[in-house]
Amino acid sequence: MTDVPDDPPPAAPPELPKPLVDLMPAVVIGTSAWAAALAVLLVLALGFDRNVDVWLGTAIAGVGLGFVGLGIVAWQRRASRSGSRGAQHGL
């Protein structure tokens, strides 16, 4: 056994800045971009008789997954604010 003093416990890391923690703006911007792409593709398909089937499906999936992401972010924020033990804190 040695007489070396124990190291003090490490300090807790600082909280991350709000823009790095809050995902809502990123999900809203991404969903809006897919919605704009969907609008452009619909105009091309209906107005100019272009074949954009694959791209149209991709844009629809992007908008749909964006709404799923909005729901997940809102769910996480609600859990954080209610004090749920497993939720990310500081939202």
PDB file of N, CA and C in Angstrom:
ATOM      1  N   MET A   1       0.826  -1.176   0.000  1.00  0.00           N
ATOM      2  CA  MET A   1       0.000   0.000   0.000  1.00  0.00           C
ATOM      3  C   MET A   1       0.871   1.241   0.000  1.00  0.00           C
ATOM      4  N   THR A   2       0.498   2.215  -0.768  1.00  0.00           N
ATOM      5  CA  THR A   2       1.261   3.462  -0.823  1.00  0.00           C
ATOM      6  C   THR A   2       0.449   4.565  -0.185  1.00  0.00           C
ATOM      7  N   ASP A   3       1.151   5.611   0.174  1.00  0.00           N
ATOM      8  CA  ASP A   3       0.489   6.756   0.794  1.00  0.00           C
ATOM      9  C   ASP A   3       0.214   7.853  -0.226  1.00  0.00           C
ATOM     10  N   VAL A   4      -0.268   7.480  -1.425  1.00  0.00           N
ATOM     11  CA  VAL A   4      -0.591   8.454  -2.462  1.00  0.00           C
ATOM     12  C   VAL A   4      -2.039   8.887  -2.266  1.00  0.00           C
ATOM     13  N   PRO A   5      -2.263  10.221  -2.216  1.00  0.00           N
ATOM     14  CA  PRO A   5      -3.643  10.667  -2.028  1.00  0.00           C
ATOM     15  C   PRO A   5      -4.492  10.336  -3.255  1.00  0.00           C
ATOM     16  N   ASP A   6      -5.758  10.085  -3.020  1.00  0.00           N
ATOM     17  CA  ASP A   6      -6.686   9.808  -4.121  1.00  0.00           C
ATOM     18  C   ASP A   6      -6.894  11.073  -4.952  1.00  0.00           C
ATOM     19  N   ASP A   7      -7.039  10.850  -6.251  1.00  0.00           N
ATOM     20  CA  ASP A   7      -7.335  11.978  -7.129  1.00  0.00           C
ATOM     21  C   ASP A   7      -8.764  12.439  -6.880  1.00  0.00           C
ATOM     22  N   PRO A   8      -8.995  13.753  -7.006  1.00  0.00           N
ATOM     23  CA  PRO A   8     -10.373  14.227  -6.842  1.00  0.00           C
ATOM     24  C   PRO A   8     -11.221  13.708  -8.007  1.00  0.00           C
ATOM     25  N   PRO A   9     -12.502  13.538  -7.779  1.00  0.00           N
ATOM     26  CA  PRO A   9     -13.359  13.060  -8.878  1.00  0.00           C
ATOM     27  C   PRO A   9     -13.354  14.079 -10.023  1.00  0.00           C
ATOM     28  N   PRO A  10     -13.461  13.594 -11.249  1.00  0.00           N
ATOM     29  CA  PRO A  10     -13.446  14.523 -12.386  1.00  0.00           C
ATOM     30  C   PRO A  10     -14.687  15.412 -12.372  1.00  0.00           C
ATOM     31  N   ALA A  11     -14.492  16.632 -12.831  1.00  0.00           N
ATOM     32  CA  ALA A  11     -15.602  17.576 -12.891  1.00  0.00           C
ATOM     33  C   ALA A  11     -16.554  17.167 -14.009  1.00  0.00           C
ATOM     34  N   ALA A  12     -17.808  17.471 -13.828  1.00  0.00           N
ATOM     35  CA  ALA A  12     -18.810  17.169 -14.856  1.00  0.00           C
ATOM     36  C   ALA A  12     -18.538  18.039 -16.083  1.00  0.00           C
ATOM     37  N   PRO A  13     -18.731  17.499 -17.282  1.00  0.00           N
ATOM     38  CA  PRO A  13     -18.496  18.306 -18.479  1.00  0.00           C
ATOM     39  C   PRO A  13     -19.532  19.422 -18.572  1.00  0.00           C
ATOM     40  N   PRO A  14     -19.168  20.527 -19.179  1.00  0.00           N
ATOM     41  CA  PRO A  14     -20.131  21.629 -19.293  1.00  0.00           C
ATOM     42  C   PRO A  14     -21.267  21.261 -20.248  1.00  0.00           C
ATOM     43  N   GLU A  15     -22.382  21.910 -20.069  1.00  0.00           N
ATOM     44  CA  GLU A  15     -23.520  21.696 -20.953  1.00  0.00           C
ATOM     45  C   GLU A  15     -23.182  22.195 -22.359  1.00  0.00           C
ATOM     46  N   LEU A  16     -23.689  21.498 -23.372  1.00  0.00           N
ATOM     47  CA  LEU A  16     -23.483  21.934 -24.745  1.00  0.00           C
ATOM     48  C   LEU A  16     -24.355  23.146 -25.030  1.00  0.00           C
ATOM     49  N   PRO A  17     -23.912  24.020 -25.942  1.00  0.00           N
ATOM     50  CA  PRO A  17     -24.742  25.173 -26.303  1.00  0.00           C
ATOM     51  C   PRO A  17     -26.059  24.716 -26.932  1.00  0.00           C
ATOM     52  N   LYS A  18     -27.084  25.497 -26.735  1.00  0.00           N
ATOM     53  CA  LYS A  18     -28.429  25.163 -27.226  1.00  0.00           C
ATOM     54  C   LYS A  18     -28.470  24.849 -28.726  1.00  0.00           C
ATOM     55  N   PRO A  19     -27.778  25.608 -29.607  1.00  0.00           N
ATOM     56  CA  PRO A  19     -27.838  25.270 -31.038  1.00  0.00           C
ATOM     57  C   PRO A  19     -27.275  23.891 -31.369  1.00  0.00           C
ATOM     58  N   LEU A  20     -26.374  23.362 -30.550  1.00  0.00           N
ATOM     59  CA  LEU A  20     -25.818  22.042 -30.813  1.00  0.00           C
ATOM     60  C   LEU A  20     -26.694  20.920 -30.273  1.00  0.00           C
ATOM     61  N   VAL A  21     -27.571  21.234 -29.336  1.00  0.00           N
ATOM     62  CA  VAL A  21     -28.401  20.215 -28.705  1.00  0.00           C
ATOM     63  C   VAL A  21     -29.791  20.157 -29.349  1.00  0.00           C
ATOM     64  N   ASP A  22     -30.314  21.290 -29.740  1.00  0.00           N
ATOM     65  CA  ASP A  22     -31.674  21.362 -30.270  1.00  0.00           C
ATOM     66  C   ASP A  22     -31.685  20.940 -31.738  1.00  0.00           C
ATOM     67  N   LEU A  23     -32.316  19.826 -32.036  1.00  0.00           N
ATOM     68  CA  LEU A  23     -32.358  19.306 -33.394  1.00  0.00           C
ATOM     69  C   LEU A  23     -33.562  19.799 -34.192  1.00  0.00           C
ATOM     70  N   MET A  24     -34.490  20.472 -33.550  1.00  0.00           N
ATOM     71  CA  MET A  24     -35.707  20.896 -34.241  1.00  0.00           C
ATOM     72  C   MET A  24     -35.420  21.755 -35.477  1.00  0.00           C
ATOM     73  N   PRO A  25     -34.547  22.775 -35.415  1.00  0.00           N
ATOM     74  CA  PRO A  25     -34.298  23.561 -36.622  1.00  0.00           C
ATOM     75  C   PRO A  25     -33.738  22.728 -37.781  1.00  0.00           C
ATOM     76  N   ALA A  26     -32.852  21.802 -37.495  1.00  0.00           N
ATOM     77  CA  ALA A  26     -32.279  20.973 -38.554  1.00  0.00           C
ATOM     78  C   ALA A  26     -33.338  20.087 -39.199  1.00  0.00           C
ATOM     79  N   VAL A  27     -34.216  19.521 -38.391  1.00  0.00           N
ATOM     80  CA  VAL A  27     -35.262  18.644 -38.923  1.00  0.00           C
ATOM     81  C   VAL A  27     -36.281  19.464 -39.722  1.00  0.00           C
ATOM     82  N   VAL A  28     -36.615  20.647 -39.253  1.00  0.00           N
ATOM     83  CA  VAL A  28     -37.561  21.506 -39.981  1.00  0.00           C
ATOM     84  C   VAL A  28     -36.965  21.936 -41.319  1.00  0.00           C
ATOM     85  N   ILE A  29     -35.692  22.322 -41.332  1.00  0.00           N
ATOM     86  CA  ILE A  29     -35.050  22.742 -42.581  1.00  0.00           C
ATOM     87  C   ILE A  29     -34.969  21.569 -43.563  1.00  0.00           C
ATOM     88  N   GLY A  30     -34.588  20.399 -43.070  1.00  0.00           N
ATOM     89  CA  GLY A  30     -34.505  19.236 -43.940  1.00  0.00           C
ATOM     90  C   GLY A  30     -35.857  18.836 -44.511  1.00  0.00           C
ATOM     91  N   THR A  31     -36.884  18.839 -43.681  1.00  0.00           N
ATOM     92  CA  THR A  31     -38.228  18.498 -44.147  1.00  0.00           C
ATOM     93  C   THR A  31     -38.723  19.530 -45.152  1.00  0.00           C
ATOM     94  N   SER A  32     -38.422  20.797 -44.901  1.00  0.00           N
ATOM     95  CA  SER A  32     -38.818  21.856 -45.840  1.00  0.00           C
ATOM     96  C   SER A  32     -38.106  21.705 -47.179  1.00  0.00           C
ATOM     97  N   ALA A  33     -36.850  21.320 -47.148  1.00  0.00           N
ATOM     98  CA  ALA A  33     -36.110  21.113 -48.397  1.00  0.00           C
ATOM     99  C   ALA A  33     -36.714  19.958 -49.199  1.00  0.00           C
ATOM    100  N   TRP A  34     -37.077  18.869 -48.519  1.00  0.00           N
ATOM    101  CA  TRP A  34     -37.716  17.760 -49.225  1.00  0.00           C
ATOM    102  C   TRP A  34     -39.084  18.164 -49.755  1.00  0.00           C
ATOM    103  N   ALA A  35     -39.822  18.985 -49.003  1.00  0.00           N
ATOM    104  CA  ALA A  35     -41.133  19.445 -49.472  1.00  0.00           C
ATOM    105  C   ALA A  35     -40.982  20.338 -50.701  1.00  0.00           C
ATOM    106  N   ALA A  36     -39.964  21.189 -50.713  1.00  0.00           N
ATOM    107  CA  ALA A  36     -39.717  22.034 -51.889  1.00  0.00           C
ATOM    108  C   ALA A  36     -39.332  21.174 -53.093  1.00  0.00           C
ATOM    109  N   ALA A  37     -38.496  20.161 -52.867  1.00  0.00           N
ATOM    110  CA  ALA A  37     -38.129  19.259 -53.959  1.00  0.00           C
ATOM    111  C   ALA A  37     -39.359  18.520 -54.473  1.00  0.00           C
ATOM    112  N   LEU A  38     -40.241  18.111 -53.570  1.00  0.00           N
ATOM    113  CA  LEU A  38     -41.471  17.430 -53.972  1.00  0.00           C
ATOM    114  C   LEU A  38     -42.342  18.348 -54.822  1.00  0.00           C
ATOM    115  N   ALA A  39     -42.444  19.617 -54.448  1.00  0.00           N
ATOM    116  CA  ALA A  39     -43.244  20.569 -55.219  1.00  0.00           C
ATOM    117  C   ALA A  39     -42.668  20.751 -56.624  1.00  0.00           C
ATOM    118  N   VAL A  40     -41.355  20.887 -56.712  1.00  0.00           N
ATOM    119  CA  VAL A  40     -40.711  21.048 -58.025  1.00  0.00           C
ATOM    120  C   VAL A  40     -40.937  19.803 -58.880  1.00  0.00           C
ATOM    121  N   LEU A  41     -40.795  18.642 -58.285  1.00  0.00           N
ATOM    122  CA  LEU A  41     -40.981  17.397 -59.032  1.00  0.00           C
ATOM    123  C   LEU A  41     -42.426  17.206 -59.472  1.00  0.00           C
ATOM    124  N   LEU A  42     -43.369  17.622 -58.647  1.00  0.00           N
ATOM    125  CA  LEU A  42     -44.775  17.544 -59.047  1.00  0.00           C
ATOM    126  C   LEU A  42     -45.059  18.475 -60.220  1.00  0.00           C
ATOM    127  N   VAL A  43     -44.482  19.664 -60.202  1.00  0.00           N
ATOM    128  CA  VAL A  43     -44.649  20.593 -61.329  1.00  0.00           C
ATOM    129  C   VAL A  43     -44.046  19.991 -62.589  1.00  0.00           C
ATOM    130  N   LEU A  44     -42.857  19.396 -62.470  1.00  0.00           N
ATOM    131  CA  LEU A  44     -42.228  18.770 -63.635  1.00  0.00           C
ATOM    132  C   LEU A  44     -43.058  17.594 -64.155  1.00  0.00           C
ATOM    133  N   ALA A  45     -43.580  16.781 -63.255  1.00  0.00           N
ATOM    134  CA  ALA A  45     -44.334  15.597 -63.666  1.00  0.00           C
ATOM    135  C   ALA A  45     -45.686  15.960 -64.266  1.00  0.00           C
ATOM    136  N   LEU A  46     -46.381  16.900 -63.638  1.00  0.00           N
ATOM    137  CA  LEU A  46     -47.733  17.225 -64.095  1.00  0.00           C
ATOM    138  C   LEU A  46     -47.755  18.298 -65.179  1.00  0.00           C
ATOM    139  N   GLY A  47     -46.872  19.276 -65.080  1.00  0.00           N
ATOM    140  CA  GLY A  47     -46.904  20.388 -66.026  1.00  0.00           C
ATOM    141  C   GLY A  47     -46.072  20.180 -67.267  1.00  0.00           C
ATOM    142  N   PHE A  48     -44.983  19.467 -67.151  1.00  0.00           N
ATOM    143  CA  PHE A  48     -44.069  19.323 -68.281  1.00  0.00           C
ATOM    144  C   PHE A  48     -43.924  17.876 -68.745  1.00  0.00           C
ATOM    145  N   ASP A  49     -44.752  16.994 -68.200  1.00  0.00           N
ATOM    146  CA  ASP A  49     -44.792  15.585 -68.592  1.00  0.00           C
ATOM    147  C   ASP A  49     -43.410  14.927 -68.560  1.00  0.00           C
ATOM    148  N   ARG A  50     -42.697  15.150 -67.476  1.00  0.00           N
ATOM    149  CA  ARG A  50     -41.381  14.525 -67.282  1.00  0.00           C
ATOM    150  C   ARG A  50     -41.536  13.240 -66.484  1.00  0.00           C
ATOM    151  N   ASN A  51     -40.660  12.286 -66.711  1.00  0.00           N
ATOM    152  CA  ASN A  51     -40.667  11.032 -65.973  1.00  0.00           C
ATOM    153  C   ASN A  51     -39.765  11.184 -64.755  1.00  0.00           C
ATOM    154  N   VAL A  52     -40.365  11.431 -63.610  1.00  0.00           N
ATOM    155  CA  VAL A  52     -39.611  11.648 -62.377  1.00  0.00           C
ATOM    156  C   VAL A  52     -40.081  10.680 -61.294  1.00  0.00           C
ATOM    157  N   ASP A  53     -40.453   9.478 -61.691  1.00  0.00           N
ATOM    158  CA  ASP A  53     -41.054   8.527 -60.754  1.00  0.00           C
ATOM    159  C   ASP A  53     -40.157   8.223 -59.560  1.00  0.00           C
ATOM    160  N   VAL A  54     -38.898   7.878 -59.804  1.00  0.00           N
ATOM    161  CA  VAL A  54     -37.994   7.519 -58.713  1.00  0.00           C
ATOM    162  C   VAL A  54     -37.736   8.730 -57.826  1.00  0.00           C
ATOM    163  N   TRP A  55     -37.510   9.880 -58.445  1.00  0.00           N
ATOM    164  CA  TRP A  55     -37.240  11.082 -57.667  1.00  0.00           C
ATOM    165  C   TRP A  55     -38.461  11.513 -56.874  1.00  0.00           C
ATOM    166  N   LEU A  56     -39.629  11.327 -57.462  1.00  0.00           N
ATOM    167  CA  LEU A  56     -40.864  11.684 -56.764  1.00  0.00           C
ATOM    168  C   LEU A  56     -41.048  10.805 -55.521  1.00  0.00           C
ATOM    169  N   GLY A  57     -40.800   9.517 -55.668  1.00  0.00           N
ATOM    170  CA  GLY A  57     -40.881   8.614 -54.524  1.00  0.00           C
ATOM    171  C   GLY A  57     -39.863   8.952 -53.449  1.00  0.00           C
ATOM    172  N   THR A  58     -38.668   9.345 -53.881  1.00  0.00           N
ATOM    173  CA  THR A  58     -37.619   9.726 -52.923  1.00  0.00           C
ATOM    174  C   THR A  58     -38.028  10.977 -52.144  1.00  0.00           C
ATOM    175  N   ALA A  59     -38.595  11.952 -52.842  1.00  0.00           N
ATOM    176  CA  ALA A  59     -39.021  13.184 -52.176  1.00  0.00           C
ATOM    177  C   ALA A  59     -40.175  12.920 -51.213  1.00  0.00           C
ATOM    178  N   ILE A  60     -41.092  12.043 -51.604  1.00  0.00           N
ATOM    179  CA  ILE A  60     -42.207  11.698 -50.715  1.00  0.00           C
ATOM    180  C   ILE A  60     -41.667  11.011 -49.458  1.00  0.00           C
ATOM    181  N   ALA A  61     -40.712  10.100 -49.642  1.00  0.00           N
ATOM    182  CA  ALA A  61     -40.102   9.426 -48.487  1.00  0.00           C
ATOM    183  C   ALA A  61     -39.363  10.427 -47.605  1.00  0.00           C
ATOM    184  N   GLY A  62     -38.679  11.407 -48.218  1.00  0.00           N
ATOM    185  CA  GLY A  62     -37.972  12.423 -47.443  1.00  0.00           C
ATOM    186  C   GLY A  62     -38.913  13.256 -46.592  1.00  0.00           C
ATOM    187  N   VAL A  63     -40.038  13.650 -47.161  1.00  0.00           N
ATOM    188  CA  VAL A  63     -41.026  14.423 -46.397  1.00  0.00           C
ATOM    189  C   VAL A  63     -41.622  13.556 -45.287  1.00  0.00           C
ATOM    190  N   GLY A  64     -41.954  12.318 -45.612  1.00  0.00           N
ATOM    191  CA  GLY A  64     -42.525  11.424 -44.603  1.00  0.00           C
ATOM    192  C   GLY A  64     -41.576  11.172 -43.449  1.00  0.00           C
ATOM    193  N   LEU A  65     -40.309  10.897 -43.772  1.00  0.00           N
ATOM    194  CA  LEU A  65     -39.323  10.668 -42.711  1.00  0.00           C
ATOM    195  C   LEU A  65     -39.029  11.951 -41.936  1.00  0.00           C
ATOM    196  N   GLY A  66     -39.155  13.094 -42.598  1.00  0.00           N
ATOM    197  CA  GLY A  66     -39.004  14.366 -41.895  1.00  0.00           C
ATOM    198  C   GLY A  66     -40.080  14.543 -40.829  1.00  0.00           C
ATOM    199  N   PHE A  67     -41.309  14.157 -41.168  1.00  0.00           N
ATOM    200  CA  PHE A  67     -42.387  14.246 -40.179  1.00  0.00           C
ATOM    201  C   PHE A  67     -42.179  13.245 -39.043  1.00  0.00           C
ATOM    202  N   VAL A  68     -41.638  12.074 -39.364  1.00  0.00           N
ATOM    203  CA  VAL A  68     -41.291  11.123 -38.305  1.00  0.00           C
ATOM    204  C   VAL A  68     -40.226  11.746 -37.390  1.00  0.00           C
ATOM    205  N   GLY A  69     -39.224  12.391 -37.991  1.00  0.00           N
ATOM    206  CA  GLY A  69     -38.179  13.052 -37.203  1.00  0.00           C
ATOM    207  C   GLY A  69     -38.733  14.159 -36.337  1.00  0.00           C
ATOM    208  N   LEU A  70     -39.679  14.933 -36.868  1.00  0.00           N
ATOM    209  CA  LEU A  70     -40.312  15.984 -36.061  1.00  0.00           C
ATOM    210  C   LEU A  70     -41.021  15.384 -34.853  1.00  0.00           C
ATOM    211  N   GLY A  71     -41.687  14.268 -35.062  1.00  0.00           N
ATOM    212  CA  GLY A  71     -42.363  13.601 -33.952  1.00  0.00           C
ATOM    213  C   GLY A  71     -41.383  13.097 -32.907  1.00  0.00           C
ATOM    214  N   ILE A  72     -40.267  12.520 -33.355  1.00  0.00           N
ATOM    215  CA  ILE A  72     -39.268  12.010 -32.413  1.00  0.00           C
ATOM    216  C   ILE A  72     -38.633  13.140 -31.616  1.00  0.00           C
ATOM    217  N   VAL A  73     -38.306  14.250 -32.298  1.00  0.00           N
ATOM    218  CA  VAL A  73     -37.701  15.383 -31.596  1.00  0.00           C
ATOM    219  C   VAL A  73     -38.689  15.973 -30.584  1.00  0.00           C
ATOM    220  N   ALA A  74     -39.957  16.083 -30.965  1.00  0.00           N
ATOM    221  CA  ALA A  74     -40.966  16.607 -30.035  1.00  0.00           C
ATOM    222  C   ALA A  74     -41.151  15.660 -28.847  1.00  0.00           C
ATOM    223  N   TRP A  75     -41.124  14.369 -29.104  1.00  0.00           N
ATOM    224  CA  TRP A  75     -41.253  13.370 -28.045  1.00  0.00           C
ATOM    225  C   TRP A  75     -40.076  13.459 -27.079  1.00  0.00           C
ATOM    226  N   GLN A  76     -38.863  13.599 -27.620  1.00  0.00           N
ATOM    227  CA  GLN A  76     -37.671  13.716 -26.776  1.00  0.00           C
ATOM    228  C   GLN A  76     -37.713  15.007 -25.948  1.00  0.00           C
ATOM    229  N   ARG A  77     -38.150  16.086 -26.564  1.00  0.00           N
ATOM    230  CA  ARG A  77     -38.236  17.367 -25.851  1.00  0.00           C
ATOM    231  C   ARG A  77     -39.258  17.290 -24.722  1.00  0.00           C
ATOM    232  N   ARG A  78     -40.387  16.655 -25.004  1.00  0.00           N
ATOM    233  CA  ARG A  78     -41.429  16.511 -23.978  1.00  0.00           C
ATOM    234  C   ARG A  78     -40.925  15.648 -22.819  1.00  0.00           C
ATOM    235  N   ALA A  79     -40.210  14.574 -23.136  1.00  0.00           N
ATOM    236  CA  ALA A  79     -39.664  13.710 -22.079  1.00  0.00           C
ATOM    237  C   ALA A  79     -38.618  14.449 -21.261  1.00  0.00           C
ATOM    238  N   SER A  80     -37.809  15.260 -21.914  1.00  0.00           N
ATOM    239  CA  SER A  80     -36.778  16.015 -21.213  1.00  0.00           C
ATOM    240  C   SER A  80     -37.400  17.029 -20.255  1.00  0.00           C
ATOM    241  N   ARG A  81     -38.417  17.705 -20.724  1.00  0.00           N
ATOM    242  CA  ARG A  81     -39.039  18.743 -19.896  1.00  0.00           C
ATOM    243  C   ARG A  81     -39.851  18.163 -18.751  1.00  0.00           C
ATOM    244  N   SER A  82     -40.321  16.920 -18.909  1.00  0.00           N
ATOM    245  CA  SER A  82     -41.088  16.314 -17.826  1.00  0.00           C
ATOM    246  C   SER A  82     -40.185  15.626 -16.808  1.00  0.00           C
ATOM    247  N   GLY A  83     -38.886  15.585 -17.086  1.00  0.00           N
ATOM    248  CA  GLY A  83     -37.946  15.021 -16.131  1.00  0.00           C
ATOM    249  C   GLY A  83     -37.766  13.526 -16.246  1.00  0.00           C
ATOM    250  N   SER A  84     -38.060  12.968 -17.396  1.00  0.00           N
ATOM    251  CA  SER A  84     -37.889  11.527 -17.589  1.00  0.00           C
ATOM    252  C   SER A  84     -36.428  11.147 -17.399  1.00  0.00           C
ATOM    253  N   ARG A  85     -36.198  10.041 -16.731  1.00  0.00           N
ATOM    254  CA  ARG A  85     -34.838   9.636 -16.364  1.00  0.00           C
ATOM    255  C   ARG A  85     -33.956   9.335 -17.569  1.00  0.00           C
ATOM    256  N   GLY A  86     -34.511   8.746 -18.604  1.00  0.00           N
ATOM    257  CA  GLY A  86     -33.701   8.366 -19.759  1.00  0.00           C
ATOM    258  C   GLY A  86     -33.599   9.425 -20.824  1.00  0.00           C
ATOM    259  N   ALA A  87     -34.239  10.557 -20.638  1.00  0.00           N
ATOM    260  CA  ALA A  87     -34.266  11.590 -21.674  1.00  0.00           C
ATOM    261  C   ALA A  87     -33.002  12.441 -21.635  1.00  0.00           C
ATOM    262  N   GLN A  88     -32.704  12.996 -22.788  1.00  0.00           N
ATOM    263  CA  GLN A  88     -31.588  13.935 -22.873  1.00  0.00           C
ATOM    264  C   GLN A  88     -31.985  15.213 -22.129  1.00  0.00           C
ATOM    265  N   HIS A  89     -31.062  15.773 -21.384  1.00  0.00           N
ATOM    266  CA  HIS A  89     -31.376  16.950 -20.575  1.00  0.00           C
ATOM    267  C   HIS A  89     -30.914  18.219 -21.281  1.00  0.00           C
ATOM    268  N   GLY A  90     -31.577  19.321 -20.997  1.00  0.00           N
ATOM    269  CA  GLY A  90     -31.173  20.621 -21.524  1.00  0.00           C
ATOM    270  C   GLY A  90     -31.856  21.005 -22.815  1.00  0.00           C
ATOM    271  N   LEU A  91     -32.953  20.353 -23.160  1.00  0.00           N
ATOM    272  CA  LEU A  91     -33.629  20.703 -24.409  1.00  0.00           C
ATOM    273  C   LEU A  91     -34.625  21.806 -24.205  1.00  0.00           C
TER     274      LEU A  91
END
